[in-house]
Protein backbone atom coordinates (compact mmCIF):
# COMPACT_ATOMS: atom_id res chain seq x y z
CA UNK A 1 0.00 0.00 0.00
CA UNK A 2 2.81 2.41 0.82
CA UNK A 3 4.39 1.71 -2.55
CA UNK A 4 1.14 2.59 -4.30
CA UNK A 5 0.81 5.86 -2.43
CA UNK A 6 4.43 6.76 -3.20
CA UNK A 7 3.98 6.02 -6.90
CA UNK A 8 0.83 8.17 -7.06
CA UNK A 9 2.62 11.03 -5.29
CA UNK A 10 5.51 10.68 -7.73
CA UNK A 11 3.06 10.64 -10.66
CA UNK A 12 1.40 13.81 -9.39
CA UNK A 13 4.70 15.63 -9.04
CA UNK A 14 5.82 14.56 -12.50
CA UNK A 15 2.54 15.72 -14.04
CA UNK A 16 2.79 19.10 -12.34
CA UNK A 17 6.41 19.49 -13.46
CA UNK A 18 5.55 18.56 -17.06
CA UNK A 19 2.64 20.98 -17.27
CA UNK A 20 4.66 23.72 -15.59
CA UNK A 21 7.42 23.26 -18.16
CA UNK A 22 4.96 23.85 -21.00
CA UNK A 23 3.57 26.88 -19.19
CA UNK A 24 7.09 28.30 -18.78
CA UNK A 25 7.74 27.84 -22.46
CA UNK A 26 4.44 29.29 -23.68
CA UNK A 27 3.95 32.15 -21.23
CA UNK A 28 7.43 33.04 -20.07
CA UNK A 29 9.42 32.42 -23.23
CA UNK A 30 11.64 29.74 -21.74
CA UNK A 31 14.08 27.76 -23.86
CA UNK A 32 12.69 24.98 -26.08
CA UNK A 33 14.88 22.65 -24.02
CA UNK A 34 12.35 23.18 -21.22
CA UNK A 35 9.71 21.58 -23.46
CA UNK A 36 11.95 18.55 -23.90
CA UNK A 37 12.20 18.25 -20.11
CA UNK A 38 8.43 18.68 -19.88
CA UNK A 39 7.81 15.89 -22.35
CA UNK A 40 10.21 13.63 -20.46
CA UNK A 41 8.42 14.46 -17.24
CA UNK A 42 5.02 13.65 -18.74
CA UNK A 43 6.31 10.34 -20.12
CA UNK A 44 7.68 9.50 -16.67
CA UNK A 45 4.30 10.51 -15.24
CA UNK A 46 2.52 8.00 -17.46
CA UNK A 47 4.96 5.26 -16.50
CA UNK A 48 4.67 6.04 -12.77
CA UNK A 49 0.88 6.12 -12.98
CA UNK A 50 0.62 2.76 -14.71
CA UNK A 51 3.12 1.20 -12.30
CA UNK A 52 1.05 2.43 -9.36
CA UNK A 53 -2.12 0.80 -10.62
CA UNK A 54 -0.66 -2.70 -10.75
PDB file of N, CA and C in Angstrom:
ATOM      1  N   UNK A   1       0.820  -1.199   0.000  1.00  0.00           N
ATOM      2  CA  UNK A   1       0.000   0.000   0.000  1.00  0.00           C
ATOM      3  C   UNK A   1       0.858   1.255   0.000  1.00  0.00           C
ATOM      4  N   UNK A   2       1.923   1.249   0.775  1.00  0.00           N
ATOM      5  CA  UNK A   2       2.812   2.410   0.825  1.00  0.00           C
ATOM      6  C   UNK A   2       3.466   2.650  -0.529  1.00  0.00           C
ATOM      7  N   UNK A   3       3.785   1.578  -1.222  1.00  0.00           N
ATOM      8  CA  UNK A   3       4.394   1.715  -2.547  1.00  0.00           C
ATOM      9  C   UNK A   3       3.415   2.361  -3.524  1.00  0.00           C
ATOM     10  N   UNK A   4       2.143   1.986  -3.420  1.00  0.00           N
ATOM     11  CA  UNK A   4       1.140   2.588  -4.300  1.00  0.00           C
ATOM     12  C   UNK A   4       0.995   4.077  -4.035  1.00  0.00           C
ATOM     13  N   UNK A   5       0.946   4.445  -2.777  1.00  0.00           N
ATOM     14  CA  UNK A   5       0.815   5.863  -2.430  1.00  0.00           C
ATOM     15  C   UNK A   5       2.021   6.642  -2.931  1.00  0.00           C
ATOM     16  N   UNK A   6       3.212   6.086  -2.743  1.00  0.00           N
ATOM     17  CA  UNK A   6       4.430   6.756  -3.201  1.00  0.00           C
ATOM     18  C   UNK A   6       4.437   6.914  -4.716  1.00  0.00           C
ATOM     19  N   UNK A   7       3.973   5.906  -5.435  1.00  0.00           N
ATOM     20  CA  UNK A   7       3.975   6.015  -6.901  1.00  0.00           C
ATOM     21  C   UNK A   7       2.944   7.035  -7.370  1.00  0.00           C
ATOM     22  N   UNK A   8       1.810   7.162  -6.678  1.00  0.00           N
ATOM     23  CA  UNK A   8       0.826   8.174  -7.056  1.00  0.00           C
ATOM     24  C   UNK A   8       1.322   9.576  -6.731  1.00  0.00           C
ATOM     25  N   UNK A   9       2.031   9.732  -5.624  1.00  0.00           N
ATOM     26  CA  UNK A   9       2.623  11.033  -5.292  1.00  0.00           C
ATOM     27  C   UNK A   9       3.677  11.400  -6.329  1.00  0.00           C
ATOM     28  N   UNK A  10       4.507  10.444  -6.691  1.00  0.00           N
ATOM     29  CA  UNK A  10       5.508  10.679  -7.732  1.00  0.00           C
ATOM     30  C   UNK A  10       4.841  11.049  -9.051  1.00  0.00           C
ATOM     31  N   UNK A  11       3.780  10.340  -9.414  1.00  0.00           N
ATOM     32  CA  UNK A  11       3.060  10.639 -10.656  1.00  0.00           C
ATOM     33  C   UNK A  11       2.497  12.058 -10.628  1.00  0.00           C
ATOM     34  N   UNK A  12       1.959  12.457  -9.493  1.00  0.00           N
ATOM     35  CA  UNK A  12       1.397  13.806  -9.386  1.00  0.00           C
ATOM     36  C   UNK A  12       2.478  14.866  -9.551  1.00  0.00           C
ATOM     37  N   UNK A  13       3.611  14.666  -8.923  1.00  0.00           N
ATOM     38  CA  UNK A  13       4.704  15.634  -9.040  1.00  0.00           C
ATOM     39  C   UNK A  13       5.240  15.711 -10.466  1.00  0.00           C
ATOM     40  N   UNK A  14       5.341  14.572 -11.117  1.00  0.00           N
ATOM     41  CA  UNK A  14       5.818  14.562 -12.502  1.00  0.00           C
ATOM     42  C   UNK A  14       4.832  15.247 -13.440  1.00  0.00           C
ATOM     43  N   UNK A  15       3.534  15.059 -13.199  1.00  0.00           N
ATOM     44  CA  UNK A  15       2.538  15.721 -14.038  1.00  0.00           C
ATOM     45  C   UNK A  15       2.592  17.238 -13.849  1.00  0.00           C
ATOM     46  N   UNK A  16       2.704  17.668 -12.618  1.00  0.00           N
ATOM     47  CA  UNK A  16       2.787  19.103 -12.345  1.00  0.00           C
ATOM     48  C   UNK A  16       4.037  19.694 -12.991  1.00  0.00           C
ATOM     49  N   UNK A  17       5.159  18.998 -12.870  1.00  0.00           N
ATOM     50  CA  UNK A  17       6.406  19.489 -13.460  1.00  0.00           C
ATOM     51  C   UNK A  17       6.304  19.568 -14.980  1.00  0.00           C
ATOM     52  N   UNK A  18       5.691  18.559 -15.604  1.00  0.00           N
ATOM     53  CA  UNK A  18       5.555  18.565 -17.057  1.00  0.00           C
ATOM     54  C   UNK A  18       4.661  19.691 -17.551  1.00  0.00           C
ATOM     55  N   UNK A  19       3.541  19.898 -16.874  1.00  0.00           N
ATOM     56  CA  UNK A  19       2.637  20.981 -17.269  1.00  0.00           C
ATOM     57  C   UNK A  19       3.264  22.344 -17.004  1.00  0.00           C
ATOM     58  N   UNK A  20       3.994  22.461 -15.912  1.00  0.00           N
ATOM     59  CA  UNK A  20       4.657  23.721 -15.588  1.00  0.00           C
ATOM     60  C   UNK A  20       5.728  24.052 -16.627  1.00  0.00           C
ATOM     61  N   UNK A  21       6.409  23.033 -17.136  1.00  0.00           N
ATOM     62  CA  UNK A  21       7.423  23.258 -18.161  1.00  0.00           C
ATOM     63  C   UNK A  21       6.797  23.843 -19.428  1.00  0.00           C
ATOM     64  N   UNK A  22       5.643  23.297 -19.830  1.00  0.00           N
ATOM     65  CA  UNK A  22       4.963  23.850 -20.996  1.00  0.00           C
ATOM     66  C   UNK A  22       4.497  25.273 -20.734  1.00  0.00           C
ATOM     67  N   UNK A  23       4.015  25.527 -19.540  1.00  0.00           N
ATOM     68  CA  UNK A  23       3.575  26.883 -19.193  1.00  0.00           C
ATOM     69  C   UNK A  23       4.746  27.859 -19.255  1.00  0.00           C
ATOM     70  N   UNK A  24       5.898  27.438 -18.720  1.00  0.00           N
ATOM     71  CA  UNK A  24       7.086  28.299 -18.783  1.00  0.00           C
ATOM     72  C   UNK A  24       7.448  28.632 -20.225  1.00  0.00           C
ATOM     73  N   UNK A  25       7.372  27.636 -21.070  1.00  0.00           N
ATOM     74  CA  UNK A  25       7.742  27.840 -22.465  1.00  0.00           C
ATOM     75  C   UNK A  25       6.743  28.758 -23.178  1.00  0.00           C
ATOM     76  N   UNK A  26       5.459  28.513 -22.967  1.00  0.00           N
ATOM     77  CA  UNK A  26       4.440  29.295 -23.681  1.00  0.00           C
ATOM     78  C   UNK A  26       4.293  30.710 -23.139  1.00  0.00           C
ATOM     79  N   UNK A  27       4.266  30.858 -21.833  1.00  0.00           N
ATOM     80  CA  UNK A  27       3.946  32.148 -21.233  1.00  0.00           C
ATOM     81  C   UNK A  27       5.159  32.974 -20.850  1.00  0.00           C
ATOM     82  N   UNK A  28       6.251  32.324 -20.537  1.00  0.00           N
ATOM     83  CA  UNK A  28       7.432  33.044 -20.065  1.00  0.00           C
ATOM     84  C   UNK A  28       8.574  33.074 -21.065  1.00  0.00           C
ATOM     85  N   UNK A  29       8.397  32.396 -22.199  1.00  0.00           N
ATOM     86  CA  UNK A  29       9.424  32.419 -23.226  1.00  0.00           C
ATOM     87  C   UNK A  29      10.678  31.637 -22.862  1.00  0.00           C
ATOM     88  N   UNK A  30      10.497  30.560 -22.127  1.00  0.00           N
ATOM     89  CA  UNK A  30      11.641  29.738 -21.739  1.00  0.00           C
ATOM     90  C   UNK A  30      12.212  29.024 -22.968  1.00  0.00           C
ATOM     91  N   UNK A  31      13.377  28.475 -22.792  1.00  0.00           N
ATOM     92  CA  UNK A  31      14.076  27.762 -23.859  1.00  0.00           C
ATOM     93  C   UNK A  31      13.264  26.548 -24.334  1.00  0.00           C
ATOM     94  N   UNK A  32      13.358  26.197 -25.608  1.00  0.00           N
ATOM     95  CA  UNK A  32      12.693  24.977 -26.082  1.00  0.00           C
ATOM     96  C   UNK A  32      13.186  23.713 -25.369  1.00  0.00           C
ATOM     97  N   UNK A  33      14.371  23.785 -24.791  1.00  0.00           N
ATOM     98  CA  UNK A  33      14.876  22.646 -24.024  1.00  0.00           C
ATOM     99  C   UNK A  33      13.956  22.348 -22.837  1.00  0.00           C
ATOM    100  N   UNK A  34      13.297  23.367 -22.322  1.00  0.00           N
ATOM    101  CA  UNK A  34      12.349  23.178 -21.225  1.00  0.00           C
ATOM    102  C   UNK A  34      11.191  22.298 -21.676  1.00  0.00           C
ATOM    103  N   UNK A  35      10.780  22.432 -22.926  1.00  0.00           N
ATOM    104  CA  UNK A  35       9.712  21.583 -23.457  1.00  0.00           C
ATOM    105  C   UNK A  35      10.170  20.132 -23.508  1.00  0.00           C
ATOM    106  N   UNK A  36      11.417  19.914 -23.874  1.00  0.00           N
ATOM    107  CA  UNK A  36      11.949  18.546 -23.898  1.00  0.00           C
ATOM    108  C   UNK A  36      11.901  17.950 -22.491  1.00  0.00           C
ATOM    109  N   UNK A  37      12.278  18.730 -21.498  1.00  0.00           N
ATOM    110  CA  UNK A  37      12.200  18.251 -20.114  1.00  0.00           C
ATOM    111  C   UNK A  37      10.748  18.005 -19.704  1.00  0.00           C
ATOM    112  N   UNK A  38       9.845  18.860 -20.172  1.00  0.00           N
ATOM    113  CA  UNK A  38       8.435  18.676 -19.875  1.00  0.00           C
ATOM    114  C   UNK A  38       7.875  17.400 -20.476  1.00  0.00           C
ATOM    115  N   UNK A  39       8.252  17.119 -21.707  1.00  0.00           N
ATOM    116  CA  UNK A  39       7.806  15.885 -22.352  1.00  0.00           C
ATOM    117  C   UNK A  39       8.360  14.676 -21.605  1.00  0.00           C
ATOM    118  N   UNK A  40       9.622  14.734 -21.218  1.00  0.00           N
ATOM    119  CA  UNK A  40      10.214  13.631 -20.461  1.00  0.00           C
ATOM    120  C   UNK A  40       9.494  13.440 -19.125  1.00  0.00           C
ATOM    121  N   UNK A  41       9.138  14.537 -18.500  1.00  0.00           N
ATOM    122  CA  UNK A  41       8.419  14.457 -17.240  1.00  0.00           C
ATOM    123  C   UNK A  41       7.033  13.846 -17.425  1.00  0.00           C
ATOM    124  N   UNK A  42       6.353  14.205 -18.495  1.00  0.00           N
ATOM    125  CA  UNK A  42       5.022  13.653 -18.738  1.00  0.00           C
ATOM    126  C   UNK A  42       5.083  12.169 -19.131  1.00  0.00           C
ATOM    127  N   UNK A  43       6.131  11.769 -19.816  1.00  0.00           N
ATOM    128  CA  UNK A  43       6.311  10.340 -20.118  1.00  0.00           C
ATOM    129  C   UNK A  43       6.566   9.572 -18.819  1.00  0.00           C
ATOM    130  N   UNK A  44       7.419  10.134 -17.971  1.00  0.00           N
ATOM    131  CA  UNK A  44       7.682   9.496 -16.671  1.00  0.00           C
ATOM    132  C   UNK A  44       6.413   9.462 -15.822  1.00  0.00           C
ATOM    133  N   UNK A  45       5.585  10.487 -15.940  1.00  0.00           N
ATOM    134  CA  UNK A  45       4.299  10.515 -15.244  1.00  0.00           C
ATOM    135  C   UNK A  45       3.435   9.332 -15.668  1.00  0.00           C
ATOM    136  N   UNK A  46       3.341   9.104 -16.961  1.00  0.00           N
ATOM    137  CA  UNK A  46       2.519   8.003 -17.462  1.00  0.00           C
ATOM    138  C   UNK A  46       3.046   6.658 -16.978  1.00  0.00           C
ATOM    139  N   UNK A  47       4.359   6.514 -16.970  1.00  0.00           N
ATOM    140  CA  UNK A  47       4.963   5.264 -16.496  1.00  0.00           C
ATOM    141  C   UNK A  47       4.694   5.081 -15.009  1.00  0.00           C
ATOM    142  N   UNK A  48       4.890   6.128 -14.218  1.00  0.00           N
ATOM    143  CA  UNK A  48       4.667   6.042 -12.771  1.00  0.00           C
ATOM    144  C   UNK A  48       3.205   5.743 -12.467  1.00  0.00           C
ATOM    145  N   UNK A  49       2.301   6.338 -13.224  1.00  0.00           N
ATOM    146  CA  UNK A  49       0.875   6.123 -12.981  1.00  0.00           C
ATOM    147  C   UNK A  49       0.479   4.689 -13.293  1.00  0.00           C
ATOM    148  N   UNK A  50       0.972   4.134 -14.374  1.00  0.00           N
ATOM    149  CA  UNK A  50       0.616   2.756 -14.711  1.00  0.00           C
ATOM    150  C   UNK A  50       1.273   1.765 -13.768  1.00  0.00           C
ATOM    151  N   UNK A  51       2.468   2.085 -13.276  1.00  0.00           N
ATOM    152  CA  UNK A  51       3.120   1.199 -12.301  1.00  0.00           C
ATOM    153  C   UNK A  51       2.366   1.202 -10.978  1.00  0.00           C
ATOM    154  N   UNK A  52       1.769   2.332 -10.617  1.00  0.00           N
ATOM    155  CA  UNK A  52       1.051   2.428  -9.360  1.00  0.00           C
ATOM    156  C   UNK A  52      -0.278   1.701  -9.359  1.00  0.00           C
ATOM    157  N   UNK A  53      -0.817   1.447 -10.539  1.00  0.00           N
ATOM    158  CA  UNK A  53      -2.124   0.804 -10.618  1.00  0.00           C
ATOM    159  C   UNK A  53      -2.008  -0.718 -10.624  1.00  0.00           C
ATOM    160  N   UNK A  54      -0.811  -1.247 -10.707  1.00  0.00           N
ATOM    161  CA  UNK A  54      -0.657  -2.700 -10.754  1.00  0.00           C
ATOM    162  C   UNK A  54      -0.495  -3.290  -9.395  1.00  0.00           C
TER     163      UNK A  54
END
